[in-house]
Amino acid sequence: MIELILGKYNYWIYISLMMIGFYAMIAKENLIKKIIGLNIFQTAVFLFYISMAKVEGGTAPILWGKAVIYDNPLPHTLMLTGIVVSVSTTAVALALVIRIYKAYGTIEEDKLLEMGDK
């Protein structure tokens, strides 16, 4: 049983990173901290999908006579697209936070909600 748990340490790392990012998005009031939490969560997802592509005993997907088993290149390709989307999302979120700060003078969520109620 212990070998099963310790043998999957990479999954424990991904789950831990996901929960840290999720906690930051839910529990933090500062909008910048929420964006950092989102980035941590996205990074955990990227690491998870890339590790799923690794095949035990597999080689790079290059055709040559000695290789029999290849690693799956599709998740790597999809995660490159995901990284581009992640960077774009972060840039838009930071631009919105700057506009919110200029308009309201704060980036704390609870203070912004109080201003919206008035």
PDB file of N, CA and C in Angstrom:
ATOM      1  N   MET A   1       0.826  -1.200   0.000  1.00  0.00           N
ATOM      2  CA  MET A   1       0.000   0.000   0.000  1.00  0.00           C
ATOM      3  C   MET A   1       0.868   1.262   0.000  1.00  0.00           C
ATOM      4  N   ILE A   2       1.918   1.257   0.826  1.00  0.00           N
ATOM      5  CA  ILE A   2       2.779   2.432   0.914  1.00  0.00           C
ATOM      6  C   ILE A   2       3.530   2.660  -0.404  1.00  0.00           C
ATOM      7  N   GLU A   3       3.865   1.557  -1.098  1.00  0.00           N
ATOM      8  CA  GLU A   3       4.538   1.692  -2.392  1.00  0.00           C
ATOM      9  C   GLU A   3       3.616   2.353  -3.413  1.00  0.00           C
ATOM     10  N   LEU A   4       2.330   2.051  -3.313  1.00  0.00           N
ATOM     11  CA  LEU A   4       1.355   2.658  -4.221  1.00  0.00           C
ATOM     12  C   LEU A   4       1.284   4.168  -4.010  1.00  0.00           C
ATOM     13  N   ILE A   5       1.293   4.580  -2.755  1.00  0.00           N
ATOM     14  CA  ILE A   5       1.218   6.010  -2.438  1.00  0.00           C
ATOM     15  C   ILE A   5       2.514   6.715  -2.806  1.00  0.00           C
ATOM     16  N   LEU A   6       3.646   6.142  -2.416  1.00  0.00           N
ATOM     17  CA  LEU A   6       4.935   6.777  -2.692  1.00  0.00           C
ATOM     18  C   LEU A   6       5.318   6.676  -4.164  1.00  0.00           C
ATOM     19  N   GLY A   7       4.837   5.660  -4.839  1.00  0.00           N
ATOM     20  CA  GLY A   7       5.152   5.489  -6.251  1.00  0.00           C
ATOM     21  C   GLY A   7       4.477   6.511  -7.145  1.00  0.00           C
ATOM     22  N   LYS A   8       3.468   7.147  -6.641  1.00  0.00           N
ATOM     23  CA  LYS A   8       2.739   8.159  -7.418  1.00  0.00           C
ATOM     24  C   LYS A   8       2.985   9.559  -6.849  1.00  0.00           C
ATOM     25  N   TYR A   9       4.214   9.823  -6.422  1.00  0.00           N
ATOM     26  CA  TYR A   9       4.521  11.112  -5.788  1.00  0.00           C
ATOM     27  C   TYR A   9       4.253  12.289  -6.709  1.00  0.00           C
ATOM     28  N   ASN A  10       4.441  12.106  -8.015  1.00  0.00           N
ATOM     29  CA  ASN A  10       4.203  13.223  -8.925  1.00  0.00           C
ATOM     30  C   ASN A  10       2.737  13.652  -8.907  1.00  0.00           C
ATOM     31  N   TYR A  11       1.824  12.690  -8.740  1.00  0.00           N
ATOM     32  CA  TYR A  11       0.411  13.051  -8.664  1.00  0.00           C
ATOM     33  C   TYR A  11       0.107  13.817  -7.386  1.00  0.00           C
ATOM     34  N   TRP A  12       0.766  13.453  -6.303  1.00  0.00           N
ATOM     35  CA  TRP A  12       0.587  14.194  -5.048  1.00  0.00           C
ATOM     36  C   TRP A  12       1.074  15.629  -5.195  1.00  0.00           C
ATOM     37  N   ILE A  13       2.152  15.815  -5.936  1.00  0.00           N
ATOM     38  CA  ILE A  13       2.659  17.175  -6.168  1.00  0.00           C
ATOM     39  C   ILE A  13       1.653  17.969  -6.988  1.00  0.00           C
ATOM     40  N   TYR A  14       1.092  17.378  -8.034  1.00  0.00           N
ATOM     41  CA  TYR A  14       0.117  18.080  -8.866  1.00  0.00           C
ATOM     42  C   TYR A  14      -1.127  18.448  -8.067  1.00  0.00           C
ATOM     43  N   ILE A  15      -1.600  17.486  -7.288  1.00  0.00           N
ATOM     44  CA  ILE A  15      -2.791  17.751  -6.473  1.00  0.00           C
ATOM     45  C   ILE A  15      -2.513  18.860  -5.467  1.00  0.00           C
ATOM     46  N   SER A  16      -1.325  18.834  -4.860  1.00  0.00           N
ATOM     47  CA  SER A  16      -0.960  19.879  -3.894  1.00  0.00           C
ATOM     48  C   SER A  16      -0.906  21.251  -4.565  1.00  0.00           C
ATOM     49  N   LEU A  17      -0.274  21.313  -5.733  1.00  0.00           N
ATOM     50  CA  LEU A  17      -0.211  22.590  -6.447  1.00  0.00           C
ATOM     51  C   LEU A  17      -1.602  23.070  -6.852  1.00  0.00           C
ATOM     52  N   MET A  18      -2.443  22.155  -7.314  1.00  0.00           N
ATOM     53  CA  MET A  18      -3.801  22.535  -7.688  1.00  0.00           C
ATOM     54  C   MET A  18      -4.565  23.092  -6.493  1.00  0.00           C
ATOM     55  N   MET A  19      -4.436  22.440  -5.358  1.00  0.00           N
ATOM     56  CA  MET A  19      -5.174  22.891  -4.173  1.00  0.00           C
ATOM     57  C   MET A  19      -4.628  24.215  -3.637  1.00  0.00           C
ATOM     58  N   ILE A  20      -3.315  24.431  -3.740  1.00  0.00           N
ATOM     59  CA  ILE A  20      -2.745  25.723  -3.342  1.00  0.00           C
ATOM     60  C   ILE A  20      -3.296  26.825  -4.242  1.00  0.00           C
ATOM     61  N   GLY A  21      -3.286  26.583  -5.552  1.00  0.00           N
ATOM     62  CA  GLY A  21      -3.817  27.571  -6.486  1.00  0.00           C
ATOM     63  C   GLY A  21      -5.302  27.804  -6.297  1.00  0.00           C
ATOM     64  N   PHE A  22      -6.049  26.727  -6.076  1.00  0.00           N
ATOM     65  CA  PHE A  22      -7.491  26.847  -5.861  1.00  0.00           C
ATOM     66  C   PHE A  22      -7.780  27.619  -4.580  1.00  0.00           C
ATOM     67  N   TYR A  23      -7.033  27.335  -3.526  1.00  0.00           N
ATOM     68  CA  TYR A  23      -7.200  28.049  -2.261  1.00  0.00           C
ATOM     69  C   TYR A  23      -6.920  29.546  -2.443  1.00  0.00           C
ATOM     70  N   ALA A  24      -5.860  29.861  -3.178  1.00  0.00           N
ATOM     71  CA  ALA A  24      -5.524  31.271  -3.403  1.00  0.00           C
ATOM     72  C   ALA A  24      -6.628  31.980  -4.180  1.00  0.00           C
ATOM     73  N   MET A  25      -7.222  31.304  -5.153  1.00  0.00           N
ATOM     74  CA  MET A  25      -8.292  31.938  -5.929  1.00  0.00           C
ATOM     75  C   MET A  25      -9.550  32.145  -5.101  1.00  0.00           C
ATOM     76  N   ILE A  26      -9.852  31.228  -4.208  1.00  0.00           N
ATOM     77  CA  ILE A  26     -11.088  31.294  -3.428  1.00  0.00           C
ATOM     78  C   ILE A  26     -10.931  32.165  -2.179  1.00  0.00           C
ATOM     79  N   ALA A  27      -9.841  32.001  -1.448  1.00  0.00           N
ATOM     80  CA  ALA A  27      -9.739  32.583  -0.110  1.00  0.00           C
ATOM     81  C   ALA A  27      -9.110  33.980  -0.076  1.00  0.00           C
ATOM     82  N   LYS A  28      -8.289  34.321  -1.021  1.00  0.00           N
ATOM     83  CA  LYS A  28      -7.592  35.606  -0.974  1.00  0.00           C
ATOM     84  C   LYS A  28      -8.500  36.725  -1.466  1.00  0.00           C
ATOM     85  N   GLU A  29      -8.360  37.882  -0.849  1.00  0.00           N
ATOM     86  CA  GLU A  29      -9.157  39.057  -1.215  1.00  0.00           C
ATOM     87  C   GLU A  29      -8.455  39.939  -2.247  1.00  0.00           C
ATOM     88  N   ASN A  30      -7.133  39.866  -2.290  1.00  0.00           N
ATOM     89  CA  ASN A  30      -6.349  40.698  -3.203  1.00  0.00           C
ATOM     90  C   ASN A  30      -6.433  40.115  -4.612  1.00  0.00           C
ATOM     91  N   LEU A  31      -6.739  40.945  -5.589  1.00  0.00           N
ATOM     92  CA  LEU A  31      -6.922  40.461  -6.957  1.00  0.00           C
ATOM     93  C   LEU A  31      -5.619  39.938  -7.565  1.00  0.00           C
ATOM     94  N   ILE A  32      -4.485  40.523  -7.216  1.00  0.00           N
ATOM     95  CA  ILE A  32      -3.196  40.043  -7.722  1.00  0.00           C
ATOM     96  C   ILE A  32      -2.916  38.639  -7.178  1.00  0.00           C
ATOM     97  N   LYS A  33      -3.224  38.414  -5.906  1.00  0.00           N
ATOM     98  CA  LYS A  33      -3.030  37.087  -5.319  1.00  0.00           C
ATOM     99  C   LYS A  33      -3.941  36.062  -5.979  1.00  0.00           C
ATOM    100  N   LYS A  34      -5.126  36.472  -6.376  1.00  0.00           N
ATOM    101  CA  LYS A  34      -6.029  35.573  -7.099  1.00  0.00           C
ATOM    102  C   LYS A  34      -5.436  35.191  -8.461  1.00  0.00           C
ATOM    103  N   ILE A  35      -4.823  36.137  -9.129  1.00  0.00           N
ATOM    104  CA  ILE A  35      -4.200  35.860 -10.425  1.00  0.00           C
ATOM    105  C   ILE A  35      -3.012  34.917 -10.247  1.00  0.00           C
ATOM    106  N   ILE A  36      -2.223  35.116  -9.206  1.00  0.00           N
ATOM    107  CA  ILE A  36      -1.104  34.215  -8.928  1.00  0.00           C
ATOM    108  C   ILE A  36      -1.627  32.805  -8.644  1.00  0.00           C
ATOM    109  N   GLY A  37      -2.713  32.705  -7.881  1.00  0.00           N
ATOM    110  CA  GLY A  37      -3.325  31.401  -7.626  1.00  0.00           C
ATOM    111  C   GLY A  37      -3.790  30.726  -8.900  1.00  0.00           C
ATOM    112  N   LEU A  38      -4.366  31.503  -9.809  1.00  0.00           N
ATOM    113  CA  LEU A  38      -4.794  30.961 -11.103  1.00  0.00           C
ATOM    114  C   LEU A  38      -3.596  30.422 -11.880  1.00  0.00           C
ATOM    115  N   ASN A  39      -2.478  31.142 -11.855  1.00  0.00           N
ATOM    116  CA  ASN A  39      -1.275  30.686 -12.557  1.00  0.00           C
ATOM    117  C   ASN A  39      -0.710  29.414 -11.937  1.00  0.00           C
ATOM    118  N   ILE A  40      -0.738  29.304 -10.623  1.00  0.00           N
ATOM    119  CA  ILE A  40      -0.276  28.081  -9.962  1.00  0.00           C
ATOM    120  C   ILE A  40      -1.168  26.907 -10.363  1.00  0.00           C
ATOM    121  N   PHE A  41      -2.465  27.128 -10.376  1.00  0.00           N
ATOM    122  CA  PHE A  41      -3.407  26.083 -10.769  1.00  0.00           C
ATOM    123  C   PHE A  41      -3.150  25.643 -12.211  1.00  0.00           C
ATOM    124  N   GLN A  42      -2.967  26.596 -13.110  1.00  0.00           N
ATOM    125  CA  GLN A  42      -2.720  26.275 -14.513  1.00  0.00           C
ATOM    126  C   GLN A  42      -1.408  25.511 -14.683  1.00  0.00           C
ATOM    127  N   THR A  43      -0.394  25.888 -13.938  1.00  0.00           N
ATOM    128  CA  THR A  43       0.886  25.195 -14.018  1.00  0.00           C
ATOM    129  C   THR A  43       0.752  23.748 -13.569  1.00  0.00           C
ATOM    130  N   ALA A  44      -0.033  23.510 -12.525  1.00  0.00           N
ATOM    131  CA  ALA A  44      -0.255  22.136 -12.066  1.00  0.00           C
ATOM    132  C   ALA A  44      -0.940  21.305 -13.154  1.00  0.00           C
ATOM    133  N   VAL A  45      -1.888  21.887 -13.842  1.00  0.00           N
ATOM    134  CA  VAL A  45      -2.567  21.171 -14.928  1.00  0.00           C
ATOM    135  C   VAL A  45      -1.589  20.867 -16.059  1.00  0.00           C
ATOM    136  N   PHE A  46      -0.736  21.819 -16.395  1.00  0.00           N
ATOM    137  CA  PHE A  46       0.259  21.587 -17.446  1.00  0.00           C
ATOM    138  C   PHE A  46       1.193  20.437 -17.064  1.00  0.00           C
ATOM    139  N   LEU A  47       1.690  20.456 -15.850  1.00  0.00           N
ATOM    140  CA  LEU A  47       2.590  19.397 -15.404  1.00  0.00           C
ATOM    141  C   LEU A  47       1.902  18.040 -15.414  1.00  0.00           C
ATOM    142  N   PHE A  48       0.651  18.020 -15.016  1.00  0.00           N
ATOM    143  CA  PHE A  48      -0.108  16.766 -15.010  1.00  0.00           C
ATOM    144  C   PHE A  48      -0.230  16.197 -16.422  1.00  0.00           C
ATOM    145  N   TYR A  49      -0.642  16.997 -17.374  1.00  0.00           N
ATOM    146  CA  TYR A  49      -0.832  16.492 -18.730  1.00  0.00           C
ATOM    147  C   TYR A  49       0.491  16.098 -19.377  1.00  0.00           C
ATOM    148  N   ILE A  50       1.543  16.846 -19.123  1.00  0.00           N
ATOM    149  CA  ILE A  50       2.834  16.492 -19.719  1.00  0.00           C
ATOM    150  C   ILE A  50       3.356  15.190 -19.134  1.00  0.00           C
ATOM    151  N   SER A  51       3.161  14.986 -17.844  1.00  0.00           N
ATOM    152  CA  SER A  51       3.623  13.727 -17.241  1.00  0.00           C
ATOM    153  C   SER A  51       2.799  12.539 -17.727  1.00  0.00           C
ATOM    154  N   MET A  52       1.549  12.759 -18.081  1.00  0.00           N
ATOM    155  CA  MET A  52       0.724  11.671 -18.592  1.00  0.00           C
ATOM    156  C   MET A  52       1.221  11.194 -19.964  1.00  0.00           C
ATOM    157  N   ALA A  53       1.943  12.024 -20.681  1.00  0.00           N
ATOM    158  CA  ALA A  53       2.411  11.669 -22.017  1.00  0.00           C
ATOM    159  C   ALA A  53       3.632  10.754 -21.970  1.00  0.00           C
ATOM    160  N   LYS A  54       4.305  10.708 -20.834  1.00  0.00           N
ATOM    161  CA  LYS A  54       5.500   9.881 -20.725  1.00  0.00           C
ATOM    162  C   LYS A  54       5.121   8.410 -20.627  1.00  0.00           C
ATOM    163  N   VAL A  55       5.707   7.611 -21.504  1.00  0.00           N
ATOM    164  CA  VAL A  55       5.475   6.176 -21.524  1.00  0.00           C
ATOM    165  C   VAL A  55       6.744   5.504 -21.002  1.00  0.00           C
ATOM    166  N   GLU A  56       6.583   4.559 -20.090  1.00  0.00           N
ATOM    167  CA  GLU A  56       7.751   3.881 -19.526  1.00  0.00           C
ATOM    168  C   GLU A  56       8.487   3.116 -20.626  1.00  0.00           C
ATOM    169  N   GLY A  57       9.743   3.435 -20.786  1.00  0.00           N
ATOM    170  CA  GLY A  57      10.547   2.806 -21.830  1.00  0.00           C
ATOM    171  C   GLY A  57      10.407   3.475 -23.187  1.00  0.00           C
ATOM    172  N   GLY A  58       9.625   4.529 -23.257  1.00  0.00           N
ATOM    173  CA  GLY A  58       9.406   5.208 -24.527  1.00  0.00           C
ATOM    174  C   GLY A  58      10.533   6.166 -24.872  1.00  0.00           C
ATOM    175  N   THR A  59      10.664   6.443 -26.142  1.00  0.00           N
ATOM    176  CA  THR A  59      11.668   7.391 -26.619  1.00  0.00           C
ATOM    177  C   THR A  59      10.961   8.561 -27.298  1.00  0.00           C
ATOM    178  N   ALA A  60      11.764   9.508 -27.736  1.00  0.00           N
ATOM    179  CA  ALA A  60      11.216  10.641 -28.465  1.00  0.00           C
ATOM    180  C   ALA A  60      10.542  10.138 -29.741  1.00  0.00           C
ATOM    181  N   PRO A  61       9.457  10.776 -30.149  1.00  0.00           N
ATOM    182  CA  PRO A  61       8.713  10.287 -31.330  1.00  0.00           C
ATOM    183  C   PRO A  61       9.422  10.622 -32.640  1.00  0.00           C
ATOM    184  N   ILE A  62      10.598  10.035 -32.804  1.00  0.00           N
ATOM    185  CA  ILE A  62      11.384  10.204 -34.028  1.00  0.00           C
ATOM    186  C   ILE A  62      11.541   8.823 -34.638  1.00  0.00           C
ATOM    187  N   LEU A  63      11.238   8.695 -35.890  1.00  0.00           N
ATOM    188  CA  LEU A  63      11.307   7.391 -36.545  1.00  0.00           C
ATOM    189  C   LEU A  63      12.758   6.996 -36.786  1.00  0.00           C
ATOM    190  N   TRP A  64      13.156   5.928 -36.148  1.00  0.00           N
ATOM    191  CA  TRP A  64      14.454   5.322 -36.383  1.00  0.00           C
ATOM    192  C   TRP A  64      14.332   3.846 -36.043  1.00  0.00           C
ATOM    193  N   GLY A  65      15.242   3.056 -36.498  1.00  0.00           N
ATOM    194  CA  GLY A  65      15.099   1.607 -36.440  1.00  0.00           C
ATOM    195  C   GLY A  65      15.055   0.992 -35.057  1.00  0.00           C
ATOM    196  N   LYS A  66      15.701   1.580 -34.060  1.00  0.00           N
ATOM    197  CA  LYS A  66      15.827   0.939 -32.757  1.00  0.00           C
ATOM    198  C   LYS A  66      14.644   1.195 -31.835  1.00  0.00           C
ATOM    199  N   ALA A  67      13.898   2.257 -32.046  1.00  0.00           N
ATOM    200  CA  ALA A  67      12.797   2.614 -31.142  1.00  0.00           C
ATOM    201  C   ALA A  67      11.567   1.770 -31.442  1.00  0.00           C
ATOM    202  N   VAL A  68      10.962   1.244 -30.404  1.00  0.00           N
ATOM    203  CA  VAL A  68       9.755   0.441 -30.551  1.00  0.00           C
ATOM    204  C   VAL A  68       8.569   1.170 -29.917  1.00  0.00           C
ATOM    205  N   ILE A  69       8.793   1.777 -28.746  1.00  0.00           N
ATOM    206  CA  ILE A  69       7.737   2.477 -28.023  1.00  0.00           C
ATOM    207  C   ILE A  69       8.069   3.970 -28.022  1.00  0.00           C
ATOM    208  N   TYR A  70       7.075   4.776 -28.351  1.00  0.00           N
ATOM    209  CA  TYR A  70       7.271   6.220 -28.411  1.00  0.00           C
ATOM    210  C   TYR A  70       6.431   6.921 -27.346  1.00  0.00           C
ATOM    211  N   ASP A  71       6.953   8.044 -26.845  1.00  0.00           N
ATOM    212  CA  ASP A  71       6.162   8.909 -25.961  1.00  0.00           C
ATOM    213  C   ASP A  71       5.119   9.624 -26.805  1.00  0.00           C
ATOM    214  N   ASN A  72       4.001   9.940 -26.194  1.00  0.00           N
ATOM    215  CA  ASN A  72       2.920  10.603 -26.907  1.00  0.00           C
ATOM    216  C   ASN A  72       3.231  12.108 -27.019  1.00  0.00           C
ATOM    217  N   PRO A  73       3.385  12.647 -28.216  1.00  0.00           N
ATOM    218  CA  PRO A  73       3.703  14.070 -28.359  1.00  0.00           C
ATOM    219  C   PRO A  73       2.483  14.996 -28.300  1.00  0.00           C
ATOM    220  N   LEU A  74       1.273  14.446 -28.410  1.00  0.00           N
ATOM    221  CA  LEU A  74       0.075  15.279 -28.463  1.00  0.00           C
ATOM    222  C   LEU A  74      -0.139  16.122 -27.202  1.00  0.00           C
ATOM    223  N   PRO A  75      -0.021  15.565 -25.990  1.00  0.00           N
ATOM    224  CA  PRO A  75      -0.204  16.415 -24.802  1.00  0.00           C
ATOM    225  C   PRO A  75       0.798  17.564 -24.720  1.00  0.00           C
ATOM    226  N   HIS A  76       2.018  17.335 -25.173  1.00  0.00           N
ATOM    227  CA  HIS A  76       3.003  18.416 -25.177  1.00  0.00           C
ATOM    228  C   HIS A  76       2.562  19.541 -26.106  1.00  0.00           C
ATOM    229  N   THR A  77       2.066  19.163 -27.251  1.00  0.00           N
ATOM    230  CA  THR A  77       1.589  20.157 -28.213  1.00  0.00           C
ATOM    231  C   THR A  77       0.401  20.937 -27.657  1.00  0.00           C
ATOM    232  N   LEU A  78      -0.536  20.228 -27.056  1.00  0.00           N
ATOM    233  CA  LEU A  78      -1.705  20.895 -26.490  1.00  0.00           C
ATOM    234  C   LEU A  78      -1.324  21.817 -25.332  1.00  0.00           C
ATOM    235  N   MET A  79      -0.341  21.418 -24.547  1.00  0.00           N
ATOM    236  CA  MET A  79       0.067  22.249 -23.417  1.00  0.00           C
ATOM    237  C   MET A  79       0.819  23.494 -23.877  1.00  0.00           C
ATOM    238  N   LEU A  80       1.499  23.420 -25.008  1.00  0.00           N
ATOM    239  CA  LEU A  80       2.085  24.649 -25.564  1.00  0.00           C
ATOM    240  C   LEU A  80       0.995  25.657 -25.890  1.00  0.00           C
ATOM    241  N   THR A  81      -0.089  25.180 -26.459  1.00  0.00           N
ATOM    242  CA  THR A  81      -1.236  26.052 -26.714  1.00  0.00           C
ATOM    243  C   THR A  81      -1.817  26.566 -25.411  1.00  0.00           C
ATOM    244  N   GLY A  82      -1.897  25.692 -24.412  1.00  0.00           N
ATOM    245  CA  GLY A  82      -2.400  26.096 -23.103  1.00  0.00           C
ATOM    246  C   GLY A  82      -1.537  27.157 -22.444  1.00  0.00           C
ATOM    247  N   ILE A  83      -0.236  27.067 -22.619  1.00  0.00           N
ATOM    248  CA  ILE A  83       0.669  28.072 -22.055  1.00  0.00           C
ATOM    249  C   ILE A  83       0.424  29.423 -22.702  1.00  0.00           C
ATOM    250  N   VAL A  84       0.227  29.439 -24.007  1.00  0.00           N
ATOM    251  CA  VAL A  84      -0.066  30.702 -24.699  1.00  0.00           C
ATOM    252  C   VAL A  84      -1.367  31.302 -24.175  1.00  0.00           C
ATOM    253  N   VAL A  85      -2.386  30.473 -24.004  1.00  0.00           N
ATOM    254  CA  VAL A  85      -3.662  30.950 -23.467  1.00  0.00           C
ATOM    255  C   VAL A  85      -3.484  31.443 -22.034  1.00  0.00           C
ATOM    256  N   SER A  86      -2.680  30.737 -21.244  1.00  0.00           N
ATOM    257  CA  SER A  86      -2.428  31.131 -19.858  1.00  0.00           C
ATOM    258  C   SER A  86      -1.753  32.493 -19.769  1.00  0.00           C
ATOM    259  N   VAL A  87      -0.762  32.715 -20.595  1.00  0.00           N
ATOM    260  CA  VAL A  87      -0.069  34.011 -20.597  1.00  0.00           C
ATOM    261  C   VAL A  87      -1.022  35.119 -21.033  1.00  0.00           C
ATOM    262  N   SER A  88      -1.835  34.838 -22.032  1.00  0.00           N
ATOM    263  CA  SER A  88      -2.804  35.837 -22.494  1.00  0.00           C
ATOM    264  C   SER A  88      -3.837  36.150 -21.420  1.00  0.00           C
ATOM    265  N   THR A  89      -4.324  35.120 -20.753  1.00  0.00           N
ATOM    266  CA  THR A  89      -5.297  35.319 -19.672  1.00  0.00           C
ATOM    267  C   THR A  89      -4.700  36.150 -18.551  1.00  0.00           C
ATOM    268  N   THR A  90      -3.456  35.856 -18.198  1.00  0.00           N
ATOM    269  CA  THR A  90      -2.779  36.619 -17.150  1.00  0.00           C
ATOM    270  C   THR A  90      -2.606  38.076 -17.554  1.00  0.00           C
ATOM    271  N   ALA A  91      -2.235  38.309 -18.793  1.00  0.00           N
ATOM    272  CA  ALA A  91      -2.049  39.685 -19.259  1.00  0.00           C
ATOM    273  C   ALA A  91      -3.359  40.470 -19.212  1.00  0.00           C
ATOM    274  N   VAL A  92      -4.442  39.854 -19.660  1.00  0.00           N
ATOM    275  CA  VAL A  92      -5.742  40.532 -19.623  1.00  0.00           C
ATOM    276  C   VAL A  92      -6.182  40.774 -18.189  1.00  0.00           C
ATOM    277  N   ALA A  93      -5.973  39.783 -17.321  1.00  0.00           N
ATOM    278  CA  ALA A  93      -6.358  39.943 -15.912  1.00  0.00           C
ATOM    279  C   ALA A  93      -5.570  41.062 -15.254  1.00  0.00           C
ATOM    280  N   LEU A  94      -4.281  41.148 -15.515  1.00  0.00           N
ATOM    281  CA  LEU A  94      -3.474  42.223 -14.936  1.00  0.00           C
ATOM    282  C   LEU A  94      -3.884  43.587 -15.482  1.00  0.00           C
ATOM    283  N   ALA A  95      -4.223  43.640 -16.764  1.00  0.00           N
ATOM    284  CA  ALA A  95      -4.698  44.901 -17.334  1.00  0.00           C
ATOM    285  C   ALA A  95      -6.012  45.329 -16.677  1.00  0.00           C
ATOM    286  N   LEU A  96      -6.899  44.379 -16.426  1.00  0.00           N
ATOM    287  CA  LEU A  96      -8.160  44.695 -15.744  1.00  0.00           C
ATOM    288  C   LEU A  96      -7.922  45.159 -14.314  1.00  0.00           C
ATOM    289  N   VAL A  97      -6.972  44.531 -13.627  1.00  0.00           N
ATOM    290  CA  VAL A  97      -6.659  44.944 -12.261  1.00  0.00           C
ATOM    291  C   VAL A  97      -6.114  46.376 -12.245  1.00  0.00           C
ATOM    292  N   ILE A  98      -5.298  46.718 -13.209  1.00  0.00           N
ATOM    293  CA  ILE A  98      -4.788  48.092 -13.297  1.00  0.00           C
ATOM    294  C   ILE A  98      -5.929  49.076 -13.510  1.00  0.00           C
ATOM    295  N   ARG A  99      -6.854  48.725 -14.403  1.00  0.00           N
ATOM    296  CA  ARG A  99      -8.006  49.611 -14.644  1.00  0.00           C
ATOM    297  C   ARG A  99      -8.899  49.721 -13.409  1.00  0.00           C
ATOM    298  N   ILE A 100      -9.090  48.621 -12.701  1.00  0.00           N
ATOM    299  CA  ILE A 100      -9.882  48.644 -11.464  1.00  0.00           C
ATOM    300  C   ILE A 100      -9.210  49.527 -10.432  1.00  0.00           C
ATOM    301  N   TYR A 101      -7.895  49.421 -10.303  1.00  0.00           N
ATOM    302  CA  TYR A 101      -7.178  50.242  -9.322  1.00  0.00           C
ATOM    303  C   TYR A 101      -7.275  51.727  -9.671  1.00  0.00           C
ATOM    304  N   LYS A 102      -7.149  52.052 -10.950  1.00  0.00           N
ATOM    305  CA  LYS A 102      -7.265  53.459 -11.358  1.00  0.00           C
ATOM    306  C   LYS A 102      -8.668  54.002 -11.112  1.00  0.00           C
ATOM    307  N   ALA A 103      -9.667  53.172 -11.303  1.00  0.00           N
ATOM    308  CA  ALA A 103     -11.052  53.628 -11.147  1.00  0.00           C
ATOM    309  C   ALA A 103     -11.489  53.686  -9.688  1.00  0.00           C
ATOM    310  N   TYR A 104     -11.066  52.720  -8.865  1.00  0.00           N
ATOM    311  CA  TYR A 104     -11.585  52.611  -7.498  1.00  0.00           C
ATOM    312  C   TYR A 104     -10.536  52.834  -6.421  1.00  0.00           C
ATOM    313  N   GLY A 105      -9.261  52.829  -6.772  1.00  0.00           N
ATOM    314  CA  GLY A 105      -8.218  53.074  -5.790  1.00  0.00           C
ATOM    315  C   GLY A 105      -7.889  51.896  -4.894  1.00  0.00           C
ATOM    316  N   THR A 106      -8.381  50.713  -5.204  1.00  0.00           N
ATOM    317  CA  THR A 106      -8.093  49.520  -4.414  1.00  0.00           C
ATOM    318  C   THR A 106      -8.191  48.282  -5.296  1.00  0.00           C
ATOM    319  N   ILE A 107      -7.505  47.221  -4.855  1.00  0.00           N
ATOM    320  CA  ILE A 107      -7.627  45.938  -5.546  1.00  0.00           C
ATOM    321  C   ILE A 107      -8.061  44.852  -4.558  1.00  0.00           C
ATOM    322  N   GLU A 108      -8.609  45.252  -3.435  1.00  0.00           N
ATOM    323  CA  GLU A 108      -9.149  44.316  -2.456  1.00  0.00           C
ATOM    324  C   GLU A 108     -10.614  44.034  -2.796  1.00  0.00           C
ATOM    325  N   GLU A 109     -10.949  42.770  -2.924  1.00  0.00           N
ATOM    326  CA  GLU A 109     -12.274  42.382  -3.380  1.00  0.00           C
ATOM    327  C   GLU A 109     -13.391  42.844  -2.433  1.00  0.00           C
ATOM    328  N   ASP A 110     -13.177  42.721  -1.135  1.00  0.00           N
ATOM    329  CA  ASP A 110     -14.232  43.107  -0.191  1.00  0.00           C
ATOM    330  C   ASP A 110     -14.525  44.599  -0.242  1.00  0.00           C
ATOM    331  N   LYS A 111     -13.492  45.417  -0.432  1.00  0.00           N
ATOM    332  CA  LYS A 111     -13.720  46.860  -0.549  1.00  0.00           C
ATOM    333  C   LYS A 111     -14.435  47.211  -1.858  1.00  0.00           C
ATOM    334  N   LEU A 112     -14.101  46.494  -2.906  1.00  0.00           N
ATOM    335  CA  LEU A 112     -14.784  46.729  -4.188  1.00  0.00           C
ATOM    336  C   LEU A 112     -16.255  46.342  -4.095  1.00  0.00           C
ATOM    337  N   LEU A 113     -16.556  45.246  -3.402  1.00  0.00           N
ATOM    338  CA  LEU A 113     -17.945  44.842  -3.238  1.00  0.00           C
ATOM    339  C   LEU A 113     -18.721  45.835  -2.389  1.00  0.00           C
ATOM    340  N   GLU A 114     -18.060  46.419  -1.380  1.00  0.00           N
ATOM    341  CA  GLU A 114     -18.717  47.459  -0.568  1.00  0.00           C
ATOM    342  C   GLU A 114     -19.031  48.677  -1.417  1.00  0.00           C
ATOM    343  N   MET A 115     -18.134  49.065  -2.304  1.00  0.00           N
ATOM    344  CA  MET A 115     -18.355  50.213  -3.168  1.00  0.00           C
ATOM    345  C   MET A 115     -19.500  49.942  -4.140  1.00  0.00           C
ATOM    346  N   GLY A 116     -19.640  48.705  -4.569  1.00  0.00           N
ATOM    347  CA  GLY A 116     -20.703  48.348  -5.514  1.00  0.00           C
ATOM    348  C   GLY A 116     -22.072  48.354  -4.866  1.00  0.00           C
ATOM    349  N   ASP A 117     -22.159  48.127  -3.552  1.00  0.00           N
ATOM    350  CA  ASP A 117     -23.439  48.107  -2.847  1.00  0.00           C
ATOM    351  C   ASP A 117     -24.006  49.503  -2.622  1.00  0.00           C
ATOM    352  N   LYS A 118     -23.162  50.507  -2.675  1.00  0.00           N
ATOM    353  CA  LYS A 118     -23.615  51.886  -2.371  1.00  0.00           C
ATOM    354  C   LYS A 118     -24.284  52.528  -3.539  1.00  0.00           C
TER     355      LYS A 118
END
